[in-house]
Amino acid sequence: MKKANDEGMFFTLEDASAVIQNLKSECIRKSIHFLIAFIPLLLAATSRSFVILVLIFGIILYIYLENLRLSGVEIPFFSNIVRKASRPRDNNRFVLGPVTLGLGALFALVFLPKTAADIAILALAFGDGLASLIGRVFGRVRPAFLLGKSLEGSISCFFGVLIVAWYVCGNVKASFASAIAATVFEALPLEDYDNIVIPLAAGFAAKFCLGL
């Protein structure tokens, strides 16, 4: 069965199924992104060194389990989640996203003071997360200067980071600087490595503006 779109082209049921599957995978990936937002709460309840150790342990454990999965070992829950969250480019390859996600949060904690680190981690959770979700669902305008990313996704990234940065520091200049830095680097074709670059860019922008 085929259905014409606005441009006179046709979509099959298989096309629609593929789109739905891609959206499900994106939602799973970004749900993991959003979980990173709990790190500032964990910091408030425990200590920086404890959270750093938890992140290091989590990264090492993931690498171990992912190598087991690639060797053919079926790991309950883990293998299923990784398969559902992986992108087409990750087929039969090590899924790097969770590692760079953990490293992005880890580097923020190691290299930035607390306020800037909180902004960095929340920028990673909501800036990149919202950009991908909104861009995937609603993205239509893709100007050349965004290098394939959508304008809708970039706007979502900007306002997502602006709001969380303002929530953390209450400083207009630092909030705008963090949002601009995150949006610029989110637009670059960095693939999984944007999980490292985006939080550091947003965090160092906040650090500079706040004089920390």
N, C-alpha and C. Protein backbone atom coordinates (compact mmCIF):
# COMPACT_ATOMS: atom_id res chain seq x y z
N MET A 1 0.85 -1.20 0.00
CA MET A 1 0.00 0.00 0.00
C MET A 1 0.88 1.24 0.00
N LYS A 2 0.55 2.23 -0.84
CA LYS A 2 1.36 3.44 -0.94
C LYS A 2 0.50 4.66 -0.65
N LYS A 3 1.15 5.68 -0.12
CA LYS A 3 0.47 6.93 0.16
C LYS A 3 1.34 8.08 -0.32
N ALA A 4 0.75 9.01 -1.07
CA ALA A 4 1.52 10.12 -1.61
C ALA A 4 1.78 11.15 -0.52
N ASN A 5 3.00 11.73 -0.55
CA ASN A 5 3.29 12.84 0.35
C ASN A 5 3.03 14.15 -0.36
N ASP A 6 3.40 15.27 0.28
CA ASP A 6 3.08 16.59 -0.27
C ASP A 6 3.81 16.87 -1.58
N GLU A 7 4.89 16.15 -1.85
CA GLU A 7 5.67 16.42 -3.05
C GLU A 7 5.32 15.45 -4.18
N GLY A 8 4.27 14.66 -3.99
CA GLY A 8 3.85 13.74 -5.04
C GLY A 8 4.60 12.43 -5.02
N MET A 9 5.51 12.23 -4.08
CA MET A 9 6.25 10.98 -3.98
C MET A 9 5.42 10.00 -3.15
N PHE A 10 5.86 8.77 -3.08
CA PHE A 10 5.07 7.74 -2.40
C PHE A 10 5.86 7.09 -1.28
N PHE A 11 5.14 6.80 -0.18
CA PHE A 11 5.70 6.07 0.94
C PHE A 11 5.03 4.71 1.01
N THR A 12 5.79 3.68 1.24
CA THR A 12 5.24 2.35 1.45
C THR A 12 5.07 2.12 2.94
N LEU A 13 4.36 1.04 3.28
CA LEU A 13 4.22 0.68 4.70
C LEU A 13 5.59 0.36 5.29
N GLU A 14 6.47 -0.19 4.45
CA GLU A 14 7.82 -0.50 4.92
C GLU A 14 8.57 0.78 5.28
N ASP A 15 8.37 1.84 4.47
CA ASP A 15 8.99 3.13 4.76
C ASP A 15 8.51 3.66 6.10
N ALA A 16 7.19 3.60 6.32
CA ALA A 16 6.61 4.10 7.57
C ALA A 16 7.14 3.30 8.75
N SER A 17 7.26 1.97 8.58
CA SER A 17 7.78 1.13 9.65
C SER A 17 9.22 1.48 9.99
N ALA A 18 10.01 1.79 8.96
CA ALA A 18 11.41 2.16 9.18
C ALA A 18 11.52 3.48 9.93
N VAL A 19 10.65 4.43 9.57
CA VAL A 19 10.65 5.74 10.25
C VAL A 19 10.30 5.57 11.73
N ILE A 20 9.28 4.75 12.01
CA ILE A 20 8.85 4.51 13.40
C ILE A 20 9.97 3.84 14.19
N GLN A 21 10.64 2.88 13.55
CA GLN A 21 11.73 2.18 14.23
C GLN A 21 12.88 3.14 14.54
N ASN A 22 13.19 4.03 13.60
CA ASN A 22 14.25 5.02 13.82
C ASN A 22 13.89 5.95 14.97
N LEU A 23 12.62 6.34 15.04
CA LEU A 23 12.18 7.22 16.12
C LEU A 23 12.26 6.51 17.47
N LYS A 24 11.89 5.23 17.50
CA LYS A 24 11.99 4.47 18.74
C LYS A 24 13.44 4.38 19.21
N SER A 25 14.34 4.12 18.27
CA SER A 25 15.76 4.04 18.61
C SER A 25 16.27 5.37 19.13
N GLU A 26 15.84 6.46 18.48
CA GLU A 26 16.27 7.79 18.92
C GLU A 26 15.75 8.10 20.31
N CYS A 27 14.52 7.71 20.60
CA CYS A 27 13.95 7.95 21.93
C CYS A 27 14.71 7.17 23.00
N ILE A 28 15.11 5.95 22.69
CA ILE A 28 15.89 5.17 23.66
C ILE A 28 17.24 5.82 23.89
N ARG A 29 17.91 6.23 22.80
CA ARG A 29 19.22 6.88 22.94
C ARG A 29 19.12 8.14 23.78
N LYS A 30 18.13 8.95 23.52
CA LYS A 30 18.04 10.22 24.22
C LYS A 30 17.50 10.06 25.63
N SER A 31 16.79 8.99 25.90
CA SER A 31 16.40 8.70 27.29
C SER A 31 17.65 8.47 28.13
N ILE A 32 18.64 7.79 27.54
CA ILE A 32 19.91 7.59 28.23
C ILE A 32 20.61 8.93 28.43
N HIS A 33 20.55 9.79 27.41
CA HIS A 33 21.10 11.14 27.53
C HIS A 33 20.48 11.88 28.72
N PHE A 34 19.16 11.82 28.80
CA PHE A 34 18.47 12.57 29.84
C PHE A 34 18.80 12.07 31.24
N LEU A 35 19.16 10.78 31.35
CA LEU A 35 19.54 10.23 32.66
C LEU A 35 20.78 10.91 33.23
N ILE A 36 21.64 11.43 32.34
CA ILE A 36 22.85 12.13 32.79
C ILE A 36 22.48 13.35 33.63
N ALA A 37 21.27 13.87 33.44
CA ALA A 37 20.85 15.05 34.20
C ALA A 37 20.75 14.79 35.69
N PHE A 38 20.71 13.53 36.10
CA PHE A 38 20.64 13.21 37.52
C PHE A 38 21.99 13.35 38.22
N ILE A 39 23.06 13.49 37.46
CA ILE A 39 24.39 13.58 38.08
C ILE A 39 24.51 14.78 39.02
N PRO A 40 24.05 16.00 38.62
CA PRO A 40 24.11 17.11 39.59
C PRO A 40 23.36 16.82 40.88
N LEU A 41 22.24 16.09 40.80
CA LEU A 41 21.51 15.72 42.02
C LEU A 41 22.32 14.74 42.85
N LEU A 42 22.99 13.81 42.17
CA LEU A 42 23.84 12.85 42.87
C LEU A 42 25.02 13.56 43.53
N LEU A 43 25.53 14.56 42.84
CA LEU A 43 26.63 15.36 43.41
C LEU A 43 26.19 16.06 44.69
N ALA A 44 24.98 16.59 44.65
CA ALA A 44 24.48 17.31 45.83
C ALA A 44 24.28 16.38 47.01
N ALA A 45 23.97 15.11 46.72
CA ALA A 45 23.69 14.15 47.79
C ALA A 45 24.94 13.41 48.27
N THR A 46 25.98 13.36 47.43
CA THR A 46 27.18 12.61 47.80
C THR A 46 28.41 13.50 47.69
N SER A 47 29.37 13.10 46.86
CA SER A 47 30.58 13.90 46.67
C SER A 47 31.06 13.76 45.23
N ARG A 48 31.89 14.72 44.81
CA ARG A 48 32.42 14.69 43.44
C ARG A 48 33.25 13.43 43.20
N SER A 49 34.11 13.08 44.15
CA SER A 49 34.97 11.92 43.96
C SER A 49 34.16 10.64 43.82
N PHE A 50 33.07 10.53 44.58
CA PHE A 50 32.21 9.34 44.49
C PHE A 50 31.57 9.25 43.11
N VAL A 51 31.06 10.38 42.60
CA VAL A 51 30.41 10.38 41.28
C VAL A 51 31.43 10.06 40.19
N ILE A 52 32.63 10.59 40.31
CA ILE A 52 33.69 10.29 39.34
C ILE A 52 33.98 8.79 39.32
N LEU A 53 34.07 8.19 40.50
CA LEU A 53 34.32 6.76 40.57
C LEU A 53 33.17 5.96 39.96
N VAL A 54 31.93 6.39 40.20
CA VAL A 54 30.77 5.72 39.62
C VAL A 54 30.83 5.79 38.09
N LEU A 55 31.17 6.96 37.56
CA LEU A 55 31.26 7.12 36.10
C LEU A 55 32.36 6.24 35.51
N ILE A 56 33.52 6.23 36.16
CA ILE A 56 34.63 5.40 35.67
C ILE A 56 34.24 3.93 35.68
N PHE A 57 33.63 3.49 36.78
CA PHE A 57 33.19 2.10 36.88
C PHE A 57 32.15 1.78 35.80
N GLY A 58 31.21 2.71 35.59
CA GLY A 58 30.18 2.50 34.59
C GLY A 58 30.75 2.39 33.18
N ILE A 59 31.72 3.24 32.86
CA ILE A 59 32.34 3.21 31.53
C ILE A 59 33.08 1.89 31.31
N ILE A 60 33.86 1.48 32.32
CA ILE A 60 34.61 0.22 32.21
C ILE A 60 33.66 -0.97 32.09
N LEU A 61 32.60 -0.97 32.90
CA LEU A 61 31.63 -2.07 32.84
C LEU A 61 30.96 -2.13 31.48
N TYR A 62 30.59 -0.97 30.94
CA TYR A 62 29.95 -0.95 29.62
C TYR A 62 30.89 -1.51 28.56
N ILE A 63 32.15 -1.07 28.57
CA ILE A 63 33.12 -1.56 27.59
C ILE A 63 33.25 -3.08 27.66
N TYR A 64 33.31 -3.61 28.88
CA TYR A 64 33.41 -5.07 29.07
C TYR A 64 32.18 -5.79 28.51
N LEU A 65 30.99 -5.30 28.88
CA LEU A 65 29.76 -5.94 28.43
C LEU A 65 29.57 -5.82 26.92
N GLU A 66 29.94 -4.68 26.36
CA GLU A 66 29.78 -4.48 24.92
C GLU A 66 30.72 -5.39 24.13
N ASN A 67 31.91 -5.61 24.64
CA ASN A 67 32.83 -6.55 23.98
C ASN A 67 32.30 -7.98 24.07
N LEU A 68 31.68 -8.32 25.20
CA LEU A 68 31.05 -9.64 25.32
C LEU A 68 29.93 -9.78 24.30
N ARG A 69 29.11 -8.73 24.16
CA ARG A 69 28.00 -8.77 23.21
C ARG A 69 28.51 -8.98 21.79
N LEU A 70 29.58 -8.27 21.43
CA LEU A 70 30.13 -8.39 20.09
C LEU A 70 30.73 -9.77 19.83
N SER A 71 31.15 -10.43 20.89
CA SER A 71 31.72 -11.77 20.74
C SER A 71 30.65 -12.84 20.67
N GLY A 72 29.38 -12.43 20.77
CA GLY A 72 28.27 -13.37 20.62
C GLY A 72 27.59 -13.77 21.90
N VAL A 73 28.02 -13.22 23.02
CA VAL A 73 27.40 -13.53 24.31
C VAL A 73 26.15 -12.68 24.48
N GLU A 74 25.02 -13.31 24.70
CA GLU A 74 23.75 -12.59 24.91
C GLU A 74 23.61 -12.23 26.38
N ILE A 75 23.60 -10.94 26.66
CA ILE A 75 23.53 -10.45 28.04
C ILE A 75 22.11 -9.94 28.29
N PRO A 76 21.39 -10.55 29.23
CA PRO A 76 20.00 -10.13 29.47
C PRO A 76 19.88 -8.62 29.68
N PHE A 77 18.87 -8.04 29.08
CA PHE A 77 18.54 -6.61 29.15
C PHE A 77 19.58 -5.75 28.41
N PHE A 78 20.85 -5.89 28.73
CA PHE A 78 21.89 -5.05 28.14
C PHE A 78 21.93 -5.20 26.62
N SER A 79 22.03 -6.43 26.13
CA SER A 79 22.16 -6.65 24.69
C SER A 79 20.95 -6.10 23.94
N ASN A 80 19.77 -6.28 24.50
CA ASN A 80 18.54 -5.83 23.85
C ASN A 80 18.49 -4.30 23.78
N ILE A 81 18.86 -3.64 24.88
CA ILE A 81 18.84 -2.17 24.91
C ILE A 81 19.85 -1.60 23.92
N VAL A 82 21.05 -2.18 23.89
CA VAL A 82 22.09 -1.67 22.98
C VAL A 82 21.65 -1.84 21.53
N ARG A 83 21.08 -2.99 21.20
CA ARG A 83 20.61 -3.20 19.83
C ARG A 83 19.53 -2.20 19.45
N LYS A 84 18.59 -1.97 20.36
CA LYS A 84 17.49 -1.05 20.06
C LYS A 84 17.97 0.40 19.95
N ALA A 85 19.01 0.74 20.70
CA ALA A 85 19.49 2.12 20.72
C ALA A 85 20.52 2.40 19.66
N SER A 86 21.07 1.37 19.03
CA SER A 86 22.16 1.57 18.08
C SER A 86 21.66 2.16 16.77
N ARG A 87 22.54 2.90 16.11
CA ARG A 87 22.25 3.47 14.80
C ARG A 87 22.66 2.49 13.71
N PRO A 88 22.17 2.71 12.49
CA PRO A 88 22.58 1.81 11.39
C PRO A 88 24.10 1.73 11.23
N ARG A 89 24.81 2.85 11.49
CA ARG A 89 26.27 2.82 11.34
C ARG A 89 26.94 1.95 12.40
N ASP A 90 26.18 1.59 13.46
CA ASP A 90 26.75 0.79 14.55
C ASP A 90 26.59 -0.71 14.34
N ASN A 91 25.94 -1.10 13.24
CA ASN A 91 25.70 -2.52 13.01
C ASN A 91 27.01 -3.31 13.02
N ASN A 92 27.05 -4.35 13.86
CA ASN A 92 28.22 -5.23 13.99
C ASN A 92 29.48 -4.47 14.42
N ARG A 93 29.28 -3.36 15.08
CA ARG A 93 30.41 -2.57 15.59
C ARG A 93 30.19 -2.24 17.05
N PHE A 94 31.27 -1.86 17.71
CA PHE A 94 31.20 -1.40 19.10
C PHE A 94 30.36 -0.12 19.13
N VAL A 95 29.32 -0.10 19.96
CA VAL A 95 28.46 1.08 20.07
C VAL A 95 29.12 2.06 21.03
N LEU A 96 29.65 3.14 20.48
CA LEU A 96 30.52 4.04 21.23
C LEU A 96 29.77 5.09 22.04
N GLY A 97 28.53 5.40 21.67
CA GLY A 97 27.80 6.50 22.28
C GLY A 97 27.81 6.52 23.80
N PRO A 98 27.46 5.43 24.49
CA PRO A 98 27.45 5.45 25.96
C PRO A 98 28.82 5.74 26.57
N VAL A 99 29.90 5.33 25.89
CA VAL A 99 31.24 5.61 26.40
C VAL A 99 31.53 7.10 26.34
N THR A 100 31.28 7.73 25.18
CA THR A 100 31.53 9.17 25.06
C THR A 100 30.59 9.97 25.94
N LEU A 101 29.37 9.46 26.15
CA LEU A 101 28.43 10.13 27.06
C LEU A 101 29.00 10.16 28.48
N GLY A 102 29.49 9.01 28.94
CA GLY A 102 30.10 8.95 30.26
C GLY A 102 31.34 9.80 30.36
N LEU A 103 32.17 9.79 29.31
CA LEU A 103 33.39 10.59 29.31
C LEU A 103 33.08 12.09 29.33
N GLY A 104 32.02 12.49 28.61
CA GLY A 104 31.64 13.90 28.61
C GLY A 104 31.31 14.39 30.01
N ALA A 105 30.53 13.59 30.74
CA ALA A 105 30.18 13.95 32.12
C ALA A 105 31.41 13.87 33.02
N LEU A 106 32.24 12.84 32.82
CA LEU A 106 33.45 12.66 33.63
C LEU A 106 34.41 13.82 33.46
N PHE A 107 34.69 14.22 32.22
CA PHE A 107 35.62 15.33 31.97
C PHE A 107 35.09 16.65 32.54
N ALA A 108 33.77 16.82 32.48
CA ALA A 108 33.18 18.03 33.05
C ALA A 108 33.47 18.10 34.55
N LEU A 109 33.34 16.96 35.23
CA LEU A 109 33.58 16.93 36.68
C LEU A 109 35.06 17.10 37.01
N VAL A 110 35.93 16.59 36.16
CA VAL A 110 37.37 16.65 36.43
C VAL A 110 37.95 18.03 36.15
N PHE A 111 37.50 18.67 35.07
CA PHE A 111 38.14 19.90 34.60
C PHE A 111 37.40 21.19 34.93
N LEU A 112 36.18 21.09 35.46
CA LEU A 112 35.40 22.30 35.68
C LEU A 112 34.96 22.42 37.14
N PRO A 113 34.85 23.66 37.64
CA PRO A 113 34.27 23.85 38.98
C PRO A 113 32.79 23.47 38.97
N LYS A 114 32.21 23.30 40.16
CA LYS A 114 30.88 22.69 40.27
C LYS A 114 29.81 23.37 39.43
N THR A 115 29.69 24.69 39.52
CA THR A 115 28.62 25.37 38.77
C THR A 115 28.76 25.15 37.28
N ALA A 116 29.98 25.32 36.77
CA ALA A 116 30.22 25.11 35.34
C ALA A 116 30.02 23.65 34.96
N ALA A 117 30.42 22.73 35.85
CA ALA A 117 30.24 21.30 35.58
C ALA A 117 28.76 20.94 35.51
N ASP A 118 27.96 21.51 36.41
CA ASP A 118 26.52 21.26 36.38
C ASP A 118 25.92 21.73 35.06
N ILE A 119 26.33 22.92 34.62
CA ILE A 119 25.83 23.46 33.35
C ILE A 119 26.26 22.56 32.20
N ALA A 120 27.51 22.11 32.23
CA ALA A 120 28.03 21.24 31.17
C ALA A 120 27.23 19.95 31.07
N ILE A 121 26.98 19.32 32.20
CA ILE A 121 26.28 18.04 32.21
C ILE A 121 24.82 18.20 31.78
N LEU A 122 24.18 19.26 32.24
CA LEU A 122 22.79 19.50 31.83
C LEU A 122 22.71 19.90 30.35
N ALA A 123 23.74 20.58 29.85
CA ALA A 123 23.79 20.90 28.42
C ALA A 123 23.90 19.62 27.60
N LEU A 124 24.69 18.67 28.10
CA LEU A 124 24.80 17.38 27.42
C LEU A 124 23.47 16.65 27.43
N ALA A 125 22.80 16.67 28.58
CA ALA A 125 21.53 15.94 28.70
C ALA A 125 20.43 16.56 27.84
N PHE A 126 20.23 17.86 27.97
CA PHE A 126 19.07 18.49 27.34
C PHE A 126 19.38 19.17 26.02
N GLY A 127 20.56 19.76 25.87
CA GLY A 127 20.89 20.43 24.62
C GLY A 127 20.99 19.45 23.47
N ASP A 128 21.90 18.50 23.61
CA ASP A 128 22.07 17.49 22.56
C ASP A 128 20.84 16.60 22.45
N GLY A 129 20.26 16.24 23.60
CA GLY A 129 19.09 15.36 23.58
C GLY A 129 17.90 15.97 22.86
N LEU A 130 17.58 17.21 23.19
CA LEU A 130 16.45 17.87 22.54
C LEU A 130 16.72 18.14 21.06
N ALA A 131 17.97 18.50 20.74
CA ALA A 131 18.31 18.78 19.34
C ALA A 131 18.05 17.55 18.47
N SER A 132 18.46 16.38 18.96
CA SER A 132 18.27 15.16 18.19
C SER A 132 16.80 14.78 18.06
N LEU A 133 16.08 14.83 19.18
CA LEU A 133 14.68 14.43 19.14
C LEU A 133 13.83 15.38 18.30
N ILE A 134 13.95 16.68 18.57
CA ILE A 134 13.15 17.67 17.82
C ILE A 134 13.57 17.69 16.37
N GLY A 135 14.87 17.61 16.13
CA GLY A 135 15.34 17.60 14.74
C GLY A 135 14.84 16.39 13.98
N ARG A 136 14.82 15.24 14.64
CA ARG A 136 14.38 14.00 13.99
C ARG A 136 12.87 14.04 13.68
N VAL A 137 12.08 14.57 14.60
CA VAL A 137 10.62 14.55 14.44
C VAL A 137 10.12 15.73 13.62
N PHE A 138 10.63 16.93 13.90
CA PHE A 138 10.08 18.14 13.29
C PHE A 138 11.04 18.84 12.33
N GLY A 139 12.27 18.36 12.24
CA GLY A 139 13.26 19.06 11.42
C GLY A 139 12.92 19.07 9.95
N ARG A 140 12.75 20.24 9.40
CA ARG A 140 12.46 20.40 7.97
C ARG A 140 13.45 21.35 7.30
N VAL A 141 13.85 22.39 8.03
CA VAL A 141 14.74 23.40 7.45
C VAL A 141 16.18 23.03 7.76
N ARG A 142 16.97 22.78 6.72
CA ARG A 142 18.36 22.36 6.90
C ARG A 142 19.29 23.25 6.08
N PRO A 143 19.58 24.46 6.57
CA PRO A 143 20.47 25.37 5.84
C PRO A 143 21.89 24.81 5.78
N ALA A 144 22.62 25.24 4.77
CA ALA A 144 23.97 24.72 4.54
C ALA A 144 24.90 24.96 5.72
N PHE A 145 24.74 26.10 6.42
CA PHE A 145 25.67 26.43 7.50
C PHE A 145 25.51 25.52 8.72
N LEU A 146 24.43 24.73 8.76
CA LEU A 146 24.24 23.78 9.86
C LEU A 146 24.77 22.39 9.51
N LEU A 147 25.38 22.26 8.33
CA LEU A 147 26.08 21.03 7.94
C LEU A 147 25.20 19.79 8.04
N GLY A 148 23.96 19.91 7.58
CA GLY A 148 23.06 18.77 7.56
C GLY A 148 22.12 18.70 8.74
N LYS A 149 22.40 19.44 9.82
CA LYS A 149 21.50 19.46 10.96
C LYS A 149 20.31 20.37 10.66
N SER A 150 19.23 20.21 11.42
CA SER A 150 18.04 21.02 11.16
C SER A 150 18.03 22.28 12.01
N LEU A 151 17.40 23.32 11.48
CA LEU A 151 17.27 24.57 12.22
C LEU A 151 16.41 24.36 13.46
N GLU A 152 15.38 23.54 13.34
CA GLU A 152 14.50 23.26 14.48
C GLU A 152 15.28 22.60 15.62
N GLY A 153 16.15 21.66 15.27
CA GLY A 153 16.95 20.99 16.28
C GLY A 153 17.93 21.93 16.95
N SER A 154 18.56 22.80 16.16
CA SER A 154 19.53 23.75 16.71
C SER A 154 18.86 24.76 17.63
N ILE A 155 17.67 25.20 17.26
CA ILE A 155 16.92 26.14 18.12
C ILE A 155 16.56 25.45 19.44
N SER A 156 16.17 24.19 19.35
CA SER A 156 15.83 23.44 20.57
C SER A 156 17.06 23.29 21.46
N CYS A 157 18.21 23.03 20.86
CA CYS A 157 19.45 22.92 21.62
C CYS A 157 19.75 24.24 22.32
N PHE A 158 19.64 25.34 21.59
CA PHE A 158 19.96 26.65 22.16
C PHE A 158 19.08 26.96 23.37
N PHE A 159 17.77 26.82 23.20
CA PHE A 159 16.87 27.18 24.30
C PHE A 159 16.93 26.15 25.44
N GLY A 160 17.19 24.89 25.11
CA GLY A 160 17.34 23.89 26.16
C GLY A 160 18.52 24.22 27.07
N VAL A 161 19.66 24.55 26.47
CA VAL A 161 20.85 24.89 27.26
C VAL A 161 20.66 26.24 27.95
N LEU A 162 20.06 27.19 27.27
CA LEU A 162 19.83 28.51 27.87
C LEU A 162 19.02 28.37 29.17
N ILE A 163 17.98 27.57 29.14
CA ILE A 163 17.10 27.43 30.31
C ILE A 163 17.82 26.73 31.45
N VAL A 164 18.52 25.61 31.15
CA VAL A 164 19.18 24.89 32.25
C VAL A 164 20.35 25.68 32.82
N ALA A 165 21.05 26.42 31.95
CA ALA A 165 22.16 27.23 32.44
C ALA A 165 21.65 28.36 33.34
N TRP A 166 20.56 28.98 32.93
CA TRP A 166 19.96 30.03 33.76
C TRP A 166 19.49 29.46 35.09
N TYR A 167 18.92 28.25 35.05
CA TYR A 167 18.46 27.59 36.27
C TYR A 167 19.63 27.36 37.24
N VAL A 168 20.78 26.99 36.70
CA VAL A 168 21.94 26.68 37.54
C VAL A 168 22.62 27.93 38.09
N CYS A 169 22.86 28.91 37.20
CA CYS A 169 23.70 30.05 37.63
C CYS A 169 22.96 31.37 37.75
N GLY A 170 21.82 31.53 37.07
CA GLY A 170 21.09 32.79 37.13
C GLY A 170 21.80 33.96 36.50
N ASN A 171 22.79 33.68 35.64
CA ASN A 171 23.57 34.74 35.00
C ASN A 171 23.25 34.76 33.51
N VAL A 172 22.76 35.91 33.02
CA VAL A 172 22.32 36.01 31.63
C VAL A 172 23.47 35.79 30.66
N LYS A 173 24.60 36.45 30.90
CA LYS A 173 25.74 36.35 30.00
C LYS A 173 26.26 34.92 29.92
N ALA A 174 26.43 34.28 31.06
CA ALA A 174 26.93 32.90 31.08
C ALA A 174 25.94 31.94 30.44
N SER A 175 24.66 32.18 30.65
CA SER A 175 23.64 31.31 30.07
C SER A 175 23.63 31.40 28.55
N PHE A 176 23.70 32.62 28.03
CA PHE A 176 23.72 32.79 26.57
C PHE A 176 25.01 32.23 25.98
N ALA A 177 26.13 32.45 26.64
CA ALA A 177 27.40 31.94 26.13
C ALA A 177 27.40 30.42 26.08
N SER A 178 26.89 29.79 27.12
CA SER A 178 26.81 28.34 27.15
C SER A 178 25.90 27.81 26.05
N ALA A 179 24.76 28.46 25.87
CA ALA A 179 23.80 28.03 24.86
C ALA A 179 24.38 28.17 23.46
N ILE A 180 25.07 29.27 23.20
CA ILE A 180 25.68 29.49 21.88
C ILE A 180 26.77 28.46 21.63
N ALA A 181 27.63 28.23 22.62
CA ALA A 181 28.72 27.27 22.46
C ALA A 181 28.17 25.87 22.19
N ALA A 182 27.18 25.46 22.96
CA ALA A 182 26.60 24.12 22.77
C ALA A 182 25.97 23.99 21.40
N THR A 183 25.25 25.02 20.96
CA THR A 183 24.55 24.97 19.68
C THR A 183 25.54 24.90 18.51
N VAL A 184 26.61 25.68 18.60
CA VAL A 184 27.62 25.68 17.53
C VAL A 184 28.26 24.30 17.39
N PHE A 185 28.66 23.71 18.51
CA PHE A 185 29.34 22.43 18.44
C PHE A 185 28.38 21.28 18.16
N GLU A 186 27.11 21.43 18.55
CA GLU A 186 26.13 20.39 18.24
C GLU A 186 25.90 20.30 16.74
N ALA A 187 26.07 21.42 16.03
CA ALA A 187 25.84 21.44 14.59
C ALA A 187 26.97 20.78 13.80
N LEU A 188 28.14 20.59 14.42
CA LEU A 188 29.27 20.00 13.72
C LEU A 188 29.08 18.49 13.56
N PRO A 189 29.58 17.92 12.47
CA PRO A 189 29.42 16.46 12.24
C PRO A 189 30.42 15.65 13.07
N LEU A 190 30.24 15.64 14.37
CA LEU A 190 31.18 14.98 15.28
C LEU A 190 30.77 13.56 15.64
N GLU A 191 29.58 13.15 15.17
CA GLU A 191 29.03 11.83 15.51
C GLU A 191 29.00 11.65 17.04
N ASP A 192 29.46 10.51 17.54
CA ASP A 192 29.36 10.25 18.98
C ASP A 192 30.25 11.15 19.82
N TYR A 193 31.25 11.75 19.21
CA TYR A 193 32.19 12.57 19.98
C TYR A 193 31.59 13.91 20.40
N ASP A 194 30.41 14.23 19.89
CA ASP A 194 29.76 15.46 20.36
C ASP A 194 29.38 15.33 21.84
N ASN A 195 29.27 14.09 22.34
CA ASN A 195 28.98 13.89 23.76
C ASN A 195 30.11 14.40 24.66
N ILE A 196 31.29 14.50 24.12
CA ILE A 196 32.43 15.03 24.87
C ILE A 196 32.58 16.52 24.63
N VAL A 197 32.45 16.93 23.37
CA VAL A 197 32.73 18.32 22.99
C VAL A 197 31.66 19.28 23.50
N ILE A 198 30.38 18.91 23.37
CA ILE A 198 29.29 19.82 23.75
C ILE A 198 29.34 20.21 25.23
N PRO A 199 29.43 19.26 26.17
CA PRO A 199 29.46 19.69 27.57
C PRO A 199 30.69 20.51 27.92
N LEU A 200 31.85 20.17 27.36
CA LEU A 200 33.05 20.95 27.66
C LEU A 200 32.94 22.36 27.08
N ALA A 201 32.39 22.49 25.88
CA ALA A 201 32.22 23.82 25.28
C ALA A 201 31.27 24.67 26.12
N ALA A 202 30.14 24.10 26.50
CA ALA A 202 29.16 24.84 27.31
C ALA A 202 29.72 25.16 28.69
N GLY A 203 30.41 24.19 29.29
CA GLY A 203 30.95 24.39 30.63
C GLY A 203 32.05 25.42 30.69
N PHE A 204 32.98 25.38 29.73
CA PHE A 204 34.07 26.36 29.73
C PHE A 204 33.56 27.76 29.38
N ALA A 205 32.52 27.84 28.54
CA ALA A 205 31.92 29.15 28.25
C ALA A 205 31.33 29.74 29.53
N ALA A 206 30.64 28.90 30.31
CA ALA A 206 30.07 29.37 31.58
C ALA A 206 31.17 29.74 32.56
N LYS A 207 32.20 28.93 32.64
CA LYS A 207 33.32 29.19 33.55
C LYS A 207 33.97 30.54 33.25
N PHE A 208 34.20 30.81 31.97
CA PHE A 208 34.83 32.07 31.56
C PHE A 208 33.94 33.25 31.93
N CYS A 209 32.65 33.16 31.63
CA CYS A 209 31.74 34.28 31.87
C CYS A 209 31.50 34.52 33.36
N LEU A 210 31.54 33.46 34.14
CA LEU A 210 31.31 33.58 35.59
C LEU A 210 32.58 33.90 36.36
N GLY A 211 33.73 33.85 35.67
CA GLY A 211 34.99 34.15 36.33
C GLY A 211 35.37 33.12 37.37
N LEU A 212 35.05 31.85 37.11
CA LEU A 212 35.32 30.78 38.09
C LEU A 212 36.76 30.26 37.94
